[in-house]
Amino acid sequence: MSALEGALRKVAEAGTRIDGGDEAEAVAAAALVAAQIPGSKVAISPEDRPDEPLPQLPASLRALARLALHRVLGDESELAKGWVDSSDATEWRQEVQLILHALG
């Protein structure tokens, strides 16, 4: 199992409580998956990219990434609840929604 798949599975298959740090890793992993999709509007900034180029990721990771992001946006999400500034929360949700949209 790749590190990306592990990060996504940890959130997608978690019980009712999901750690905010795990959720942040899942969002980053989902963004890397989405950035490889042809025509995707998800761009990874140079400072956030892995040091080594990623191999072509299997399309099966898209469904897992979608599931993880739905969990991250859900009512039980520590990450979603943790925003103090509502304008920052809105911007964050829009970015996660962009990744989700790119994943199909």
N, C-alpha and C. Protein backbone atom coordinates (compact mmCIF):
# COMPACT_ATOMS: atom_id res chain seq x y z
N MET A 1 0.85 -1.18 0.00
CA MET A 1 0.00 0.00 0.00
C MET A 1 0.90 1.24 0.00
N SER A 2 0.58 2.19 -0.85
CA SER A 2 1.36 3.42 -0.91
C SER A 2 1.01 4.33 0.26
N ALA A 3 1.87 5.30 0.50
CA ALA A 3 1.61 6.28 1.57
C ALA A 3 0.33 7.06 1.28
N LEU A 4 0.10 7.39 0.01
CA LEU A 4 -1.13 8.12 -0.36
C LEU A 4 -2.36 7.27 -0.05
N GLU A 5 -2.33 6.03 -0.46
CA GLU A 5 -3.46 5.15 -0.19
C GLU A 5 -3.67 4.98 1.31
N GLY A 6 -2.59 4.84 2.05
CA GLY A 6 -2.69 4.70 3.51
C GLY A 6 -3.33 5.91 4.16
N ALA A 7 -2.94 7.11 3.72
CA ALA A 7 -3.50 8.34 4.28
C ALA A 7 -5.00 8.44 3.98
N LEU A 8 -5.38 8.04 2.78
CA LEU A 8 -6.80 8.10 2.39
C LEU A 8 -7.61 7.04 3.15
N ARG A 9 -7.06 5.83 3.25
CA ARG A 9 -7.77 4.75 3.94
C ARG A 9 -7.97 5.05 5.42
N LYS A 10 -6.98 5.67 6.04
CA LYS A 10 -7.06 5.97 7.46
C LYS A 10 -8.30 6.82 7.77
N VAL A 11 -8.64 7.73 6.88
CA VAL A 11 -9.81 8.59 7.07
C VAL A 11 -11.07 7.91 6.54
N ALA A 12 -10.99 7.35 5.36
CA ALA A 12 -12.17 6.74 4.74
C ALA A 12 -12.73 5.59 5.57
N GLU A 13 -11.85 4.85 6.23
CA GLU A 13 -12.28 3.67 6.97
C GLU A 13 -12.29 3.86 8.48
N ALA A 14 -12.12 5.11 8.92
CA ALA A 14 -12.09 5.39 10.36
C ALA A 14 -13.49 5.22 10.96
N GLY A 15 -13.51 5.05 12.25
CA GLY A 15 -14.79 4.98 12.97
C GLY A 15 -15.43 6.36 13.03
N THR A 16 -16.15 6.61 14.08
CA THR A 16 -16.87 7.88 14.18
C THR A 16 -15.95 9.06 14.45
N ARG A 17 -14.83 8.83 15.12
CA ARG A 17 -13.90 9.92 15.41
C ARG A 17 -12.69 9.82 14.48
N ILE A 18 -12.40 10.94 13.84
CA ILE A 18 -11.25 10.99 12.93
C ILE A 18 -10.31 12.09 13.42
N ASP A 19 -9.06 11.79 13.53
CA ASP A 19 -8.07 12.76 13.96
C ASP A 19 -7.87 13.84 12.90
N GLY A 20 -7.81 15.10 13.35
CA GLY A 20 -7.64 16.22 12.42
C GLY A 20 -6.36 16.15 11.62
N GLY A 21 -5.28 15.64 12.23
CA GLY A 21 -4.03 15.49 11.50
C GLY A 21 -4.14 14.46 10.38
N ASP A 22 -4.85 13.38 10.65
CA ASP A 22 -5.09 12.37 9.62
C ASP A 22 -5.94 12.96 8.49
N GLU A 23 -6.90 13.79 8.87
CA GLU A 23 -7.75 14.42 7.85
C GLU A 23 -6.93 15.35 6.96
N ALA A 24 -6.02 16.11 7.55
CA ALA A 24 -5.17 17.02 6.77
C ALA A 24 -4.31 16.22 5.79
N GLU A 25 -3.78 15.09 6.24
CA GLU A 25 -2.99 14.23 5.35
C GLU A 25 -3.84 13.69 4.22
N ALA A 26 -5.08 13.33 4.51
CA ALA A 26 -5.98 12.80 3.48
C ALA A 26 -6.32 13.87 2.44
N VAL A 27 -6.50 15.11 2.88
CA VAL A 27 -6.77 16.20 1.93
C VAL A 27 -5.57 16.39 1.02
N ALA A 28 -4.37 16.36 1.58
CA ALA A 28 -3.16 16.51 0.77
C ALA A 28 -3.02 15.35 -0.22
N ALA A 29 -3.28 14.14 0.25
CA ALA A 29 -3.20 12.97 -0.64
C ALA A 29 -4.23 13.06 -1.76
N ALA A 30 -5.44 13.47 -1.42
CA ALA A 30 -6.49 13.60 -2.43
C ALA A 30 -6.12 14.66 -3.45
N ALA A 31 -5.49 15.74 -3.01
CA ALA A 31 -5.06 16.79 -3.94
C ALA A 31 -4.02 16.25 -4.91
N LEU A 32 -3.10 15.43 -4.43
CA LEU A 32 -2.09 14.83 -5.32
C LEU A 32 -2.74 13.90 -6.34
N VAL A 33 -3.74 13.15 -5.91
CA VAL A 33 -4.46 12.26 -6.83
C VAL A 33 -5.19 13.11 -7.87
N ALA A 34 -5.90 14.13 -7.41
CA ALA A 34 -6.69 14.97 -8.32
C ALA A 34 -5.82 15.74 -9.30
N ALA A 35 -4.64 16.15 -8.87
CA ALA A 35 -3.75 16.93 -9.74
C ALA A 35 -3.28 16.13 -10.95
N GLN A 36 -3.31 14.80 -10.87
CA GLN A 36 -2.88 13.96 -11.99
C GLN A 36 -3.97 13.73 -13.03
N ILE A 37 -5.19 14.11 -12.72
CA ILE A 37 -6.30 13.86 -13.64
C ILE A 37 -6.21 14.87 -14.79
N PRO A 38 -6.22 14.41 -16.03
CA PRO A 38 -6.16 15.34 -17.17
C PRO A 38 -7.30 16.36 -17.09
N GLY A 39 -6.96 17.62 -17.27
CA GLY A 39 -7.94 18.70 -17.25
C GLY A 39 -8.30 19.18 -15.85
N SER A 40 -7.67 18.62 -14.84
CA SER A 40 -7.95 19.00 -13.45
C SER A 40 -7.52 20.44 -13.19
N LYS A 41 -8.31 21.14 -12.39
CA LYS A 41 -7.96 22.51 -11.99
C LYS A 41 -7.21 22.53 -10.66
N VAL A 42 -6.89 21.35 -10.14
CA VAL A 42 -6.13 21.26 -8.90
C VAL A 42 -4.65 21.37 -9.24
N ALA A 43 -4.01 22.38 -8.67
CA ALA A 43 -2.58 22.58 -8.90
C ALA A 43 -1.86 22.49 -7.56
N ILE A 44 -0.75 21.83 -7.55
CA ILE A 44 0.06 21.69 -6.35
C ILE A 44 1.22 22.68 -6.46
N SER A 45 1.34 23.55 -5.46
CA SER A 45 2.42 24.54 -5.50
C SER A 45 3.77 23.83 -5.36
N PRO A 46 4.81 24.40 -5.93
CA PRO A 46 6.13 23.75 -5.91
C PRO A 46 6.62 23.40 -4.51
N GLU A 47 6.34 24.24 -3.53
CA GLU A 47 6.82 23.95 -2.17
C GLU A 47 6.03 22.83 -1.49
N ASP A 48 4.85 22.48 -2.03
CA ASP A 48 4.03 21.42 -1.46
C ASP A 48 4.16 20.09 -2.20
N ARG A 49 4.88 20.09 -3.32
CA ARG A 49 5.05 18.86 -4.09
C ARG A 49 6.07 17.94 -3.43
N PRO A 50 5.91 16.64 -3.65
CA PRO A 50 6.95 15.71 -3.17
C PRO A 50 8.27 15.99 -3.87
N ASP A 51 9.36 15.63 -3.22
CA ASP A 51 10.69 15.85 -3.81
C ASP A 51 10.87 15.07 -5.11
N GLU A 52 10.33 13.87 -5.14
CA GLU A 52 10.43 13.01 -6.32
C GLU A 52 9.11 13.04 -7.08
N PRO A 53 9.15 13.02 -8.41
CA PRO A 53 7.90 12.96 -9.17
C PRO A 53 7.10 11.71 -8.81
N LEU A 54 5.79 11.86 -8.75
CA LEU A 54 4.93 10.71 -8.46
C LEU A 54 4.75 9.87 -9.71
N PRO A 55 4.69 8.57 -9.55
CA PRO A 55 4.32 7.74 -10.70
C PRO A 55 2.85 7.98 -11.01
N GLN A 56 2.42 7.51 -12.15
CA GLN A 56 0.99 7.61 -12.46
C GLN A 56 0.22 6.81 -11.42
N LEU A 57 -0.71 7.47 -10.76
CA LEU A 57 -1.48 6.82 -9.69
C LEU A 57 -2.64 6.04 -10.27
N PRO A 58 -3.01 4.93 -9.65
CA PRO A 58 -4.14 4.14 -10.16
C PRO A 58 -5.45 4.91 -10.03
N ALA A 59 -6.30 4.76 -11.02
CA ALA A 59 -7.60 5.44 -11.01
C ALA A 59 -8.45 5.00 -9.81
N SER A 60 -8.17 3.82 -9.26
CA SER A 60 -8.94 3.33 -8.12
C SER A 60 -8.78 4.23 -6.89
N LEU A 61 -7.72 5.01 -6.83
CA LEU A 61 -7.53 5.91 -5.70
C LEU A 61 -8.54 7.06 -5.71
N ARG A 62 -9.11 7.35 -6.86
CA ARG A 62 -10.08 8.45 -6.94
C ARG A 62 -11.29 8.21 -6.06
N ALA A 63 -11.84 7.01 -6.10
CA ALA A 63 -13.02 6.70 -5.29
C ALA A 63 -12.68 6.76 -3.80
N LEU A 64 -11.52 6.25 -3.44
CA LEU A 64 -11.09 6.29 -2.06
C LEU A 64 -10.88 7.74 -1.60
N ALA A 65 -10.30 8.55 -2.47
CA ALA A 65 -10.08 9.97 -2.15
C ALA A 65 -11.41 10.70 -1.99
N ARG A 66 -12.38 10.40 -2.84
CA ARG A 66 -13.71 11.03 -2.71
C ARG A 66 -14.34 10.67 -1.37
N LEU A 67 -14.27 9.41 -1.00
CA LEU A 67 -14.84 8.97 0.27
C LEU A 67 -14.16 9.68 1.44
N ALA A 68 -12.84 9.76 1.41
CA ALA A 68 -12.11 10.43 2.48
C ALA A 68 -12.50 11.91 2.57
N LEU A 69 -12.63 12.58 1.44
CA LEU A 69 -12.99 14.00 1.46
C LEU A 69 -14.41 14.22 1.96
N HIS A 70 -15.32 13.32 1.63
CA HIS A 70 -16.68 13.44 2.17
C HIS A 70 -16.64 13.34 3.69
N ARG A 71 -15.79 12.46 4.22
CA ARG A 71 -15.65 12.33 5.67
C ARG A 71 -15.06 13.61 6.27
N VAL A 72 -14.07 14.19 5.58
CA VAL A 72 -13.42 15.41 6.05
C VAL A 72 -14.40 16.58 6.08
N LEU A 73 -15.33 16.60 5.16
CA LEU A 73 -16.32 17.69 5.11
C LEU A 73 -17.53 17.43 6.00
N GLY A 74 -17.60 16.25 6.60
CA GLY A 74 -18.76 15.85 7.39
C GLY A 74 -18.84 16.51 8.76
N ASP A 75 -19.95 16.27 9.41
CA ASP A 75 -20.23 16.87 10.72
C ASP A 75 -19.28 16.40 11.82
N GLU A 76 -18.72 15.21 11.68
CA GLU A 76 -17.84 14.66 12.71
C GLU A 76 -16.37 15.06 12.52
N SER A 77 -16.10 15.84 11.50
CA SER A 77 -14.72 16.17 11.16
C SER A 77 -14.10 17.17 12.13
N GLU A 78 -12.99 16.79 12.75
CA GLU A 78 -12.24 17.71 13.61
C GLU A 78 -11.65 18.84 12.79
N LEU A 79 -11.18 18.52 11.62
CA LEU A 79 -10.56 19.53 10.76
C LEU A 79 -11.57 20.59 10.34
N ALA A 80 -12.75 20.16 9.95
CA ALA A 80 -13.79 21.11 9.52
C ALA A 80 -14.28 21.96 10.69
N LYS A 81 -14.33 21.39 11.88
CA LYS A 81 -14.80 22.12 13.06
C LYS A 81 -13.75 23.06 13.62
N GLY A 82 -12.50 22.85 13.27
CA GLY A 82 -11.40 23.58 13.89
C GLY A 82 -11.18 25.00 13.42
N TRP A 83 -11.90 25.45 12.42
CA TRP A 83 -11.67 26.79 11.91
C TRP A 83 -12.29 27.83 12.84
N VAL A 84 -11.49 28.82 13.22
CA VAL A 84 -11.97 29.89 14.09
C VAL A 84 -12.57 31.00 13.24
N ASP A 85 -11.90 31.36 12.18
CA ASP A 85 -12.34 32.44 11.30
C ASP A 85 -13.24 31.84 10.22
N SER A 86 -14.48 32.30 10.17
CA SER A 86 -15.43 31.72 9.22
C SER A 86 -15.06 31.97 7.77
N SER A 87 -14.39 33.09 7.49
CA SER A 87 -13.98 33.33 6.10
C SER A 87 -12.89 32.34 5.68
N ASP A 88 -11.98 32.00 6.61
CA ASP A 88 -10.97 30.98 6.32
C ASP A 88 -11.62 29.62 6.13
N ALA A 89 -12.63 29.34 6.95
CA ALA A 89 -13.35 28.06 6.84
C ALA A 89 -14.03 27.95 5.49
N THR A 90 -14.63 29.03 5.03
CA THR A 90 -15.30 29.04 3.73
C THR A 90 -14.30 28.79 2.61
N GLU A 91 -13.16 29.46 2.68
CA GLU A 91 -12.13 29.28 1.65
C GLU A 91 -11.60 27.84 1.66
N TRP A 92 -11.37 27.29 2.86
CA TRP A 92 -10.89 25.92 2.98
C TRP A 92 -11.91 24.94 2.38
N ARG A 93 -13.19 25.10 2.72
CA ARG A 93 -14.24 24.23 2.18
C ARG A 93 -14.28 24.31 0.66
N GLN A 94 -14.13 25.51 0.11
CA GLN A 94 -14.14 25.67 -1.35
C GLN A 94 -12.96 24.93 -1.99
N GLU A 95 -11.80 24.99 -1.35
CA GLU A 95 -10.64 24.29 -1.88
C GLU A 95 -10.85 22.77 -1.84
N VAL A 96 -11.41 22.27 -0.74
CA VAL A 96 -11.67 20.84 -0.64
C VAL A 96 -12.74 20.43 -1.66
N GLN A 97 -13.75 21.26 -1.85
CA GLN A 97 -14.78 20.99 -2.84
C GLN A 97 -14.20 20.96 -4.26
N LEU A 98 -13.23 21.83 -4.54
CA LEU A 98 -12.56 21.84 -5.85
C LEU A 98 -11.85 20.51 -6.09
N ILE A 99 -11.17 20.02 -5.06
CA ILE A 99 -10.48 18.72 -5.18
C ILE A 99 -11.52 17.62 -5.40
N LEU A 100 -12.59 17.65 -4.63
CA LEU A 100 -13.65 16.66 -4.75
C LEU A 100 -14.26 16.68 -6.15
N HIS A 101 -14.50 17.87 -6.68
CA HIS A 101 -15.06 18.00 -8.02
C HIS A 101 -14.11 17.41 -9.08
N ALA A 102 -12.82 17.68 -8.92
CA ALA A 102 -11.83 17.15 -9.88
C ALA A 102 -11.77 15.63 -9.85
N LEU A 103 -12.06 15.05 -8.69
CA LEU A 103 -12.03 13.60 -8.56
C LEU A 103 -13.24 12.93 -9.20
N GLY A 104 -14.22 13.73 -9.60
CA GLY A 104 -15.39 13.18 -10.29
C GLY A 104 -16.55 13.01 -9.42
